[in-house]
Amino acid sequence: MIAVAGFPAAVPDHTPGRRVAPRDGLATIDQLLRDRPTLLARIRAGVELVPLMRTMVVTLAIACAIVGAALGSYRGGVQIAYAAVKLPLVLLGTAALSAPALTAVGVALGRRARLAADLALVMTALAFGSLLLVASTPLLLLCRAVEVPYHDMILMVVGVFAVSGFASLRIISASITAEGGPGRLAALLGLCTVFALVGGQLAWALRPYLVRPRATNIVFVRDVEGSLVDSISTTFSSAQGVFADSSREDGR
């Protein structure tokens, strides 16, 4: 079988229609981008999950560090390093907390317990989402270069992350739907709820990522105040020219 784009192709085994899981990390990422159904089938079958998760963790960490650094560059200085460290922690923490919830809800509703496979699935979905975020990085840097206003920049970042999160959830939904059996739909709904709550809360707790260029008080983590929904609502109002006291924060 011919390798694609310089990556080694999966080697067929002696069973018709099946492939040996690629052990090379780059080949796994290539499969994530080009042949997700096969990769999801591998996860459901529980084949080579440890190297798969290792690859996805590294991919997620590197990709999110790049995106975080791009966000931090809006202010520059130490904020670049702060955001590059915090953003991978948000997504890794989301995966670590969401996967057990998916397993627990599914087991309670009759789905087979498969924590390792669920963790691999969530990590794979988030890795794909992080690659989409990296693809949007040139747009973020362009907006910084042309000095897009702070509140407009925040709204754009929220939109980019929303698209990435939706794409990640679509991968999880496709895999769980393909499982068949009881409890899968309720488990998926439970995961979506936990995914949104955990991811949003972690992101809010570890803010700021995007900081005003004129800010002088640069901190690694801000004090918890208000909520993520309140902040987005305030930012939207500020982008329309309606300012509140809370809009004077140095960063999000």
C-alpha atoms as a PDB file:
ATOM      1  CA  MET A   1       0.000   0.000   0.000  1.00  0.00           C
ATOM      2  CA  ILE A   2       1.354   3.433  -0.933  1.00  0.00           C
ATOM      3  CA  ALA A   3       2.036   5.931   1.850  1.00  0.00           C
ATOM      4  CA  VAL A   4       0.054   9.189   1.677  1.00  0.00           C
ATOM      5  CA  ALA A   5       1.806  12.559   1.965  1.00  0.00           C
ATOM      6  CA  GLY A   6       4.977  10.928   3.254  1.00  0.00           C
ATOM      7  CA  PHE A   7       3.261   9.123   6.133  1.00  0.00           C
ATOM      8  CA  PRO A   8       3.326   5.326   6.374  1.00  0.00           C
ATOM      9  CA  ALA A   9       0.006   3.801   5.411  1.00  0.00           C
ATOM     10  CA  ALA A  10      -1.857   1.340   7.589  1.00  0.00           C
ATOM     11  CA  VAL A  11      -0.797  -2.214   6.786  1.00  0.00           C
ATOM     12  CA  PRO A  12      -3.665  -4.598   5.997  1.00  0.00           C
ATOM     13  CA  ASP A  13      -3.916  -7.748   8.111  1.00  0.00           C
ATOM     14  CA  HIS A  14      -5.255 -11.133   7.029  1.00  0.00           C
ATOM     15  CA  THR A  15      -8.872 -10.236   7.854  1.00  0.00           C
ATOM     16  CA  PRO A  16     -10.743  -8.717   4.892  1.00  0.00           C
ATOM     17  CA  GLY A  17     -11.736  -5.110   5.432  1.00  0.00           C
ATOM     18  CA  ARG A  18      -9.565  -4.601   8.534  1.00  0.00           C
ATOM     19  CA  ARG A  19      -6.321  -2.743   9.073  1.00  0.00           C
ATOM     20  CA  VAL A  20      -3.573  -2.811  11.657  1.00  0.00           C
ATOM     21  CA  ALA A  21      -3.627   0.447  13.615  1.00  0.00           C
ATOM     22  CA  PRO A  22      -0.774   2.772  12.599  1.00  0.00           C
ATOM     23  CA  ARG A  23       1.818   3.047  15.355  1.00  0.00           C
ATOM     24  CA  ASP A  24       3.523   6.158  14.008  1.00  0.00           C
ATOM     25  CA  GLY A  25       2.181   9.345  15.600  1.00  0.00           C
ATOM     26  CA  LEU A  26       2.166  11.340  12.377  1.00  0.00           C
ATOM     27  CA  ALA A  27       0.334   8.525  10.612  1.00  0.00           C
ATOM     28  CA  THR A  28      -2.305   8.626  13.362  1.00  0.00           C
ATOM     29  CA  ILE A  29      -2.765  12.387  12.908  1.00  0.00           C
ATOM     30  CA  ASP A  30      -2.986  11.867   9.158  1.00  0.00           C
ATOM     31  CA  GLN A  31      -5.721   9.299   9.785  1.00  0.00           C
ATOM     32  CA  LEU A  32      -7.523  11.740  12.071  1.00  0.00           C
ATOM     33  CA  LEU A  33      -7.595  14.320   9.286  1.00  0.00           C
ATOM     34  CA  ARG A  34      -8.236  12.019   6.308  1.00  0.00           C
ATOM     35  CA  ASP A  35      -9.978   8.876   7.550  1.00  0.00           C
ATOM     36  CA  ARG A  36     -11.836   9.534  10.802  1.00  0.00           C
ATOM     37  CA  PRO A  37     -14.328   6.640  10.419  1.00  0.00           C
ATOM     38  CA  THR A  38     -11.467   4.133  10.470  1.00  0.00           C
ATOM     39  CA  LEU A  39      -9.872   5.828  13.456  1.00  0.00           C
ATOM     40  CA  LEU A  40     -13.168   5.863  15.363  1.00  0.00           C
ATOM     41  CA  ALA A  41     -13.692   2.179  14.551  1.00  0.00           C
ATOM     42  CA  ARG A  42     -10.257   1.505  16.023  1.00  0.00           C
ATOM     43  CA  ILE A  43     -11.253   3.296  19.234  1.00  0.00           C
ATOM     44  CA  ARG A  44     -14.519   1.369  19.513  1.00  0.00           C
ATOM     45  CA  ALA A  45     -12.594  -1.881  19.030  1.00  0.00           C
ATOM     46  CA  GLY A  46     -10.110  -0.878  21.729  1.00  0.00           C
ATOM     47  CA  VAL A  47      -7.076  -1.347  19.455  1.00  0.00           C
ATOM     48  CA  GLU A  48      -3.774   0.310  20.491  1.00  0.00           C
ATOM     49  CA  LEU A  49      -5.472   2.927  22.679  1.00  0.00           C
ATOM     50  CA  VAL A  50      -2.402   3.867  24.732  1.00  0.00           C
ATOM     51  CA  PRO A  51      -0.241   5.054  21.803  1.00  0.00           C
ATOM     52  CA  LEU A  52      -3.317   6.719  20.316  1.00  0.00           C
ATOM     53  CA  MET A  53      -3.966   8.713  23.483  1.00  0.00           C
ATOM     54  CA  ARG A  54      -0.291   9.605  23.752  1.00  0.00           C
ATOM     55  CA  THR A  55      -0.363  11.015  20.234  1.00  0.00           C
ATOM     56  CA  MET A  56      -3.554  12.959  20.869  1.00  0.00           C
ATOM     57  CA  VAL A  57      -2.268  14.453  24.126  1.00  0.00           C
ATOM     58  CA  VAL A  58       0.908  15.670  22.419  1.00  0.00           C
ATOM     59  CA  THR A  59      -1.079  17.024  19.467  1.00  0.00           C
ATOM     60  CA  LEU A  60      -3.521  18.835  21.713  1.00  0.00           C
ATOM     61  CA  ALA A  61      -0.790  20.299  23.909  1.00  0.00           C
ATOM     62  CA  ILE A  62       1.281  21.617  20.994  1.00  0.00           C
ATOM     63  CA  ALA A  63      -1.692  22.931  19.039  1.00  0.00           C
ATOM     64  CA  CYS A  64      -3.237  24.710  22.016  1.00  0.00           C
ATOM     65  CA  ALA A  65       0.134  26.182  22.998  1.00  0.00           C
ATOM     66  CA  ILE A  66       0.387  27.706  19.513  1.00  0.00           C
ATOM     67  CA  VAL A  67      -3.149  29.114  19.706  1.00  0.00           C
ATOM     68  CA  GLY A  68      -2.583  30.370  23.249  1.00  0.00           C
ATOM     69  CA  ALA A  69       0.610  32.135  22.196  1.00  0.00           C
ATOM     70  CA  ALA A  70      -1.291  33.764  19.322  1.00  0.00           C
ATOM     71  CA  LEU A  71      -3.935  35.032  21.744  1.00  0.00           C
ATOM     72  CA  GLY A  72      -1.292  36.224  24.177  1.00  0.00           C
ATOM     73  CA  SER A  73       0.470  38.142  21.411  1.00  0.00           C
ATOM     74  CA  TYR A  74      -2.453  40.598  21.393  1.00  0.00           C
ATOM     75  CA  ARG A  75      -0.870  42.030  24.551  1.00  0.00           C
ATOM     76  CA  GLY A  76       2.630  40.628  24.080  1.00  0.00           C
ATOM     77  CA  GLY A  77       5.318  40.047  26.666  1.00  0.00           C
ATOM     78  CA  VAL A  78       4.823  37.460  29.376  1.00  0.00           C
ATOM     79  CA  GLN A  79       1.160  37.046  28.415  1.00  0.00           C
ATOM     80  CA  ILE A  80       2.282  34.995  25.401  1.00  0.00           C
ATOM     81  CA  ALA A  81       3.820  32.388  27.697  1.00  0.00           C
ATOM     82  CA  TYR A  82       0.913  32.520  30.167  1.00  0.00           C
ATOM     83  CA  ALA A  83      -1.720  31.843  27.514  1.00  0.00           C
ATOM     84  CA  ALA A  84       0.423  29.170  25.831  1.00  0.00           C
ATOM     85  CA  VAL A  85       0.588  27.254  29.125  1.00  0.00           C
ATOM     86  CA  LYS A  86      -3.027  27.695  30.227  1.00  0.00           C
ATOM     87  CA  LEU A  87      -4.935  26.833  27.071  1.00  0.00           C
ATOM     88  CA  PRO A  88      -3.610  23.226  26.848  1.00  0.00           C
ATOM     89  CA  LEU A  89      -4.512  22.778  30.529  1.00  0.00           C
ATOM     90  CA  VAL A  90      -8.116  23.774  29.792  1.00  0.00           C
ATOM     91  CA  LEU A  91      -8.597  21.161  27.064  1.00  0.00           C
ATOM     92  CA  LEU A  92      -6.688  18.400  28.867  1.00  0.00           C
ATOM     93  CA  GLY A  93      -8.717  19.054  32.012  1.00  0.00           C
ATOM     94  CA  THR A  94     -11.938  19.004  29.980  1.00  0.00           C
ATOM     95  CA  ALA A  95     -11.040  15.585  28.552  1.00  0.00           C
ATOM     96  CA  ALA A  96     -10.032  14.182  31.948  1.00  0.00           C
ATOM     97  CA  LEU A  97     -13.344  15.209  33.532  1.00  0.00           C
ATOM     98  CA  SER A  98     -15.707  14.617  30.606  1.00  0.00           C
ATOM     99  CA  ALA A  99     -14.709  11.060  29.688  1.00  0.00           C
ATOM    100  CA  PRO A 100     -15.614   9.544  33.106  1.00  0.00           C
ATOM    101  CA  ALA A 101     -18.956  11.356  32.915  1.00  0.00           C
ATOM    102  CA  LEU A 102     -19.639   9.795  29.515  1.00  0.00           C
ATOM    103  CA  THR A 103     -18.839   6.334  30.880  1.00  0.00           C
ATOM    104  CA  ALA A 104     -20.836   6.767  34.084  1.00  0.00           C
ATOM    105  CA  VAL A 105     -23.977   8.074  32.391  1.00  0.00           C
ATOM    106  CA  GLY A 106     -23.782   5.367  29.749  1.00  0.00           C
ATOM    107  CA  VAL A 107     -23.358   2.544  32.270  1.00  0.00           C
ATOM    108  CA  ALA A 108     -26.304   3.848  34.301  1.00  0.00           C
ATOM    109  CA  LEU A 109     -28.447   3.627  31.160  1.00  0.00           C
ATOM    110  CA  GLY A 110     -27.278   0.215  29.971  1.00  0.00           C
ATOM    111  CA  ARG A 111     -24.250   1.115  27.873  1.00  0.00           C
ATOM    112  CA  ARG A 112     -21.165  -1.081  28.211  1.00  0.00           C
ATOM    113  CA  ALA A 113     -18.457   0.343  30.492  1.00  0.00           C
ATOM    114  CA  ARG A 114     -15.431   1.399  28.450  1.00  0.00           C
ATOM    115  CA  LEU A 115     -13.553   4.170  30.218  1.00  0.00           C
ATOM    116  CA  ALA A 116     -10.286   3.782  28.266  1.00  0.00           C
ATOM    117  CA  ALA A 117     -12.098   3.913  24.921  1.00  0.00           C
ATOM    118  CA  ASP A 118     -14.209   6.879  26.044  1.00  0.00           C
ATOM    119  CA  LEU A 119     -11.106   8.776  27.153  1.00  0.00           C
ATOM    120  CA  ALA A 120      -9.426   7.997  23.822  1.00  0.00           C
ATOM    121  CA  LEU A 121     -12.547   9.187  21.989  1.00  0.00           C
ATOM    122  CA  VAL A 122     -12.758  12.475  23.883  1.00  0.00           C
ATOM    123  CA  MET A 123      -9.021  13.089  23.495  1.00  0.00           C
ATOM    124  CA  THR A 124      -9.242  12.376  19.765  1.00  0.00           C
ATOM    125  CA  ALA A 125     -12.185  14.748  19.342  1.00  0.00           C
ATOM    126  CA  LEU A 126     -10.440  17.525  21.261  1.00  0.00           C
ATOM    127  CA  ALA A 127      -7.226  16.985  19.309  1.00  0.00           C
ATOM    128  CA  PHE A 128      -9.190  17.451  16.094  1.00  0.00           C
ATOM    129  CA  GLY A 129     -10.756  20.594  17.508  1.00  0.00           C
ATOM    130  CA  SER A 130      -7.331  21.912  18.501  1.00  0.00           C
ATOM    131  CA  LEU A 131      -6.089  21.398  14.942  1.00  0.00           C
ATOM    132  CA  LEU A 132      -9.007  23.493  13.713  1.00  0.00           C
ATOM    133  CA  LEU A 133      -7.977  26.191  16.176  1.00  0.00           C
ATOM    134  CA  VAL A 134      -4.430  26.116  14.816  1.00  0.00           C
ATOM    135  CA  ALA A 135      -5.852  26.555  11.325  1.00  0.00           C
ATOM    136  CA  SER A 136      -7.547  29.756  12.539  1.00  0.00           C
ATOM    137  CA  THR A 137      -4.340  31.144  14.071  1.00  0.00           C
ATOM    138  CA  PRO A 138      -3.356  33.151  10.945  1.00  0.00           C
ATOM    139  CA  LEU A 139      -6.726  34.894  11.168  1.00  0.00           C
ATOM    140  CA  LEU A 140      -6.100  35.765  14.829  1.00  0.00           C
ATOM    141  CA  LEU A 141      -2.659  37.125  14.000  1.00  0.00           C
ATOM    142  CA  LEU A 142      -4.070  39.128  11.087  1.00  0.00           C
ATOM    143  CA  CYS A 143      -6.677  40.694  13.378  1.00  0.00           C
ATOM    144  CA  ARG A 144      -3.944  41.605  15.827  1.00  0.00           C
ATOM    145  CA  ALA A 145      -1.840  43.104  13.033  1.00  0.00           C
ATOM    146  CA  VAL A 146      -4.680  45.349  11.817  1.00  0.00           C
ATOM    147  CA  GLU A 147      -5.559  46.252  15.426  1.00  0.00           C
ATOM    148  CA  VAL A 148      -9.085  44.885  15.582  1.00  0.00           C
ATOM    149  CA  PRO A 149     -10.807  46.412  18.659  1.00  0.00           C
ATOM    150  CA  TYR A 150     -10.516  44.425  21.876  1.00  0.00           C
ATOM    151  CA  HIS A 151     -14.182  43.487  22.310  1.00  0.00           C
ATOM    152  CA  ASP A 152     -14.588  42.563  18.642  1.00  0.00           C
ATOM    153  CA  MET A 153     -11.505  40.370  18.984  1.00  0.00           C
ATOM    154  CA  ILE A 154     -13.029  38.586  21.986  1.00  0.00           C
ATOM    155  CA  LEU A 155     -16.258  37.879  20.115  1.00  0.00           C
ATOM    156  CA  MET A 156     -14.294  36.478  17.185  1.00  0.00           C
ATOM    157  CA  VAL A 157     -12.288  34.220  19.507  1.00  0.00           C
ATOM    158  CA  VAL A 158     -15.494  32.968  21.148  1.00  0.00           C
ATOM    159  CA  GLY A 159     -16.899  32.171  17.708  1.00  0.00           C
ATOM    160  CA  VAL A 160     -13.748  30.306  16.633  1.00  0.00           C
ATOM    161  CA  PHE A 161     -13.750  28.221  19.808  1.00  0.00           C
ATOM    162  CA  ALA A 162     -17.478  27.514  19.432  1.00  0.00           C
ATOM    163  CA  VAL A 163     -16.917  26.126  15.934  1.00  0.00           C
ATOM    164  CA  SER A 164     -14.029  24.008  17.203  1.00  0.00           C
ATOM    165  CA  GLY A 165     -16.105  22.651  20.083  1.00  0.00           C
ATOM    166  CA  PHE A 166     -18.996  21.810  17.778  1.00  0.00           C
ATOM    167  CA  ALA A 167     -16.640  19.905  15.456  1.00  0.00           C
ATOM    168  CA  SER A 168     -15.277  17.947  18.423  1.00  0.00           C
ATOM    169  CA  LEU A 169     -18.764  17.030  19.583  1.00  0.00           C
ATOM    170  CA  ARG A 170     -19.678  15.861  16.070  1.00  0.00           C
ATOM    171  CA  ILE A 171     -16.826  13.344  16.172  1.00  0.00           C
ATOM    172  CA  ILE A 172     -17.969  12.035  19.546  1.00  0.00           C
ATOM    173  CA  SER A 173     -21.568  11.891  18.358  1.00  0.00           C
ATOM    174  CA  ALA A 174     -20.619   9.924  15.225  1.00  0.00           C
ATOM    175  CA  SER A 175     -18.686   7.352  17.245  1.00  0.00           C
ATOM    176  CA  ILE A 176     -21.330   6.857  19.929  1.00  0.00           C
ATOM    177  CA  THR A 177     -24.131   6.653  17.366  1.00  0.00           C
ATOM    178  CA  ALA A 178     -22.224   3.932  15.516  1.00  0.00           C
ATOM    179  CA  GLU A 179     -22.022   1.824  18.669  1.00  0.00           C
ATOM    180  CA  GLY A 180     -25.676   0.871  18.735  1.00  0.00           C
ATOM    181  CA  GLY A 181     -27.199  -0.594  21.875  1.00  0.00           C
ATOM    182  CA  PRO A 182     -28.990   1.070  24.793  1.00  0.00           C
ATOM    183  CA  GLY A 183     -27.983   4.237  26.582  1.00  0.00           C
ATOM    184  CA  ARG A 184     -25.917   5.761  23.800  1.00  0.00           C
ATOM    185  CA  LEU A 185     -28.103   8.806  23.082  1.00  0.00           C
ATOM    186  CA  ALA A 186     -28.582   9.697  26.738  1.00  0.00           C
ATOM    187  CA  ALA A 187     -24.851   9.228  27.297  1.00  0.00           C
ATOM    188  CA  LEU A 188     -24.169  11.593  24.408  1.00  0.00           C
ATOM    189  CA  LEU A 189     -26.517  14.244  25.797  1.00  0.00           C
ATOM    190  CA  GLY A 190     -24.918  13.881  29.210  1.00  0.00           C
ATOM    191  CA  LEU A 191     -21.465  14.280  27.706  1.00  0.00           C
ATOM    192  CA  CYS A 192     -22.473  17.391  25.752  1.00  0.00           C
ATOM    193  CA  THR A 193     -23.751  18.971  28.951  1.00  0.00           C
ATOM    194  CA  VAL A 194     -20.674  18.082  30.975  1.00  0.00           C
ATOM    195  CA  PHE A 195     -18.394  19.017  28.074  1.00  0.00           C
ATOM    196  CA  ALA A 196     -19.859  22.515  27.835  1.00  0.00           C
ATOM    197  CA  LEU A 197     -20.013  23.121  31.583  1.00  0.00           C
ATOM    198  CA  VAL A 198     -16.576  21.746  32.416  1.00  0.00           C
ATOM    199  CA  GLY A 199     -14.830  23.297  29.427  1.00  0.00           C
ATOM    200  CA  GLY A 200     -16.472  26.667  29.963  1.00  0.00           C
ATOM    201  CA  GLN A 201     -15.762  26.718  33.695  1.00  0.00           C
ATOM    202  CA  LEU A 202     -12.125  25.681  33.305  1.00  0.00           C
ATOM    203  CA  ALA A 203     -11.597  28.306  30.621  1.00  0.00           C
ATOM    204  CA  TRP A 204     -13.212  30.934  32.855  1.00  0.00           C
ATOM    205  CA  ALA A 205     -11.215  29.898  35.934  1.00  0.00           C
ATOM    206  CA  LEU A 206      -7.862  30.122  34.121  1.00  0.00           C
ATOM    207  CA  ARG A 207      -8.487  33.410  32.304  1.00  0.00           C
ATOM    208  CA  PRO A 208      -7.180  35.760  30.962  1.00  0.00           C
ATOM    209  CA  TYR A 209      -5.895  34.653  27.567  1.00  0.00           C
ATOM    210  CA  LEU A 210      -6.620  37.776  25.519  1.00  0.00           C
ATOM    211  CA  VAL A 211      -5.430  40.905  27.293  1.00  0.00           C
ATOM    212  CA  ARG A 212      -5.777  44.564  26.306  1.00  0.00           C
ATOM    213  CA  PRO A 213      -2.585  45.893  24.667  1.00  0.00           C
ATOM    214  CA  ARG A 214      -2.451  48.794  27.151  1.00  0.00           C
ATOM    215  CA  ALA A 215      -2.886  46.577  30.243  1.00  0.00           C
ATOM    216  CA  THR A 216      -0.140  46.952  32.846  1.00  0.00           C
ATOM    217  CA  ASN A 217      -1.314  44.446  35.453  1.00  0.00           C
ATOM    218  CA  ILE A 218      -0.499  41.082  33.847  1.00  0.00           C
ATOM    219  CA  VAL A 219      -1.460  38.098  36.030  1.00  0.00           C
ATOM    220  CA  PHE A 220      -1.394  34.365  35.392  1.00  0.00           C
ATOM    221  CA  VAL A 221      -4.969  33.865  36.671  1.00  0.00           C
ATOM    222  CA  ARG A 222      -7.557  36.491  37.575  1.00  0.00           C
ATOM    223  CA  ASP A 223      -9.836  36.363  40.607  1.00  0.00           C
ATOM    224  CA  VAL A 224     -13.118  34.546  39.970  1.00  0.00           C
ATOM    225  CA  GLU A 225     -15.894  37.075  39.451  1.00  0.00           C
ATOM    226  CA  GLY A 226     -19.180  36.814  37.593  1.00  0.00           C
ATOM    227  CA  SER A 227     -19.643  34.016  35.067  1.00  0.00           C
ATOM    228  CA  LEU A 228     -18.616  33.128  31.544  1.00  0.00           C
ATOM    229  CA  VAL A 229     -22.110  33.895  30.207  1.00  0.00           C
ATOM    230  CA  ASP A 230     -22.113  37.303  31.922  1.00  0.00           C
ATOM    231  CA  SER A 231     -18.699  38.103  30.454  1.00  0.00           C
ATOM    232  CA  ILE A 232     -19.751  37.198  26.898  1.00  0.00           C
ATOM    233  CA  SER A 233     -22.934  39.253  27.269  1.00  0.00           C
ATOM    234  CA  THR A 234     -20.970  42.249  28.579  1.00  0.00           C
ATOM    235  CA  THR A 235     -18.419  41.914  25.791  1.00  0.00           C
ATOM    236  CA  PHE A 236     -21.158  41.814  23.141  1.00  0.00           C
ATOM    237  CA  SER A 237     -22.690  44.977  24.593  1.00  0.00           C
ATOM    238  CA  SER A 238     -19.290  46.674  24.714  1.00  0.00           C
ATOM    239  CA  ALA A 239     -18.651  45.766  21.075  1.00  0.00           C
ATOM    240  CA  GLN A 240     -21.895  47.606  20.270  1.00  0.00           C
ATOM    241  CA  GLY A 241     -20.700  50.674  22.180  1.00  0.00           C
ATOM    242  CA  VAL A 242     -22.666  50.031  25.387  1.00  0.00           C
ATOM    243  CA  PHE A 243     -20.151  49.898  28.239  1.00  0.00           C
ATOM    244  CA  ALA A 244     -20.630  48.631  31.783  1.00  0.00           C
ATOM    245  CA  ASP A 245     -18.296  48.744  34.753  1.00  0.00           C
ATOM    246  CA  SER A 246     -17.293  45.086  34.274  1.00  0.00           C
ATOM    247  CA  SER A 247     -16.057  45.882  30.762  1.00  0.00           C
ATOM    248  CA  ARG A 248     -13.025  47.615  32.230  1.00  0.00           C
ATOM    249  CA  GLU A 249     -11.298  44.353  33.005  1.00  0.00           C
ATOM    250  CA  ASP A 250      -7.783  44.022  31.596  1.00  0.00           C
ATOM    251  CA  GLY A 251      -8.440  40.770  29.783  1.00  0.00           C
ATOM    252  CA  ARG A 252     -10.501  37.657  29.106  1.00  0.00           C
END
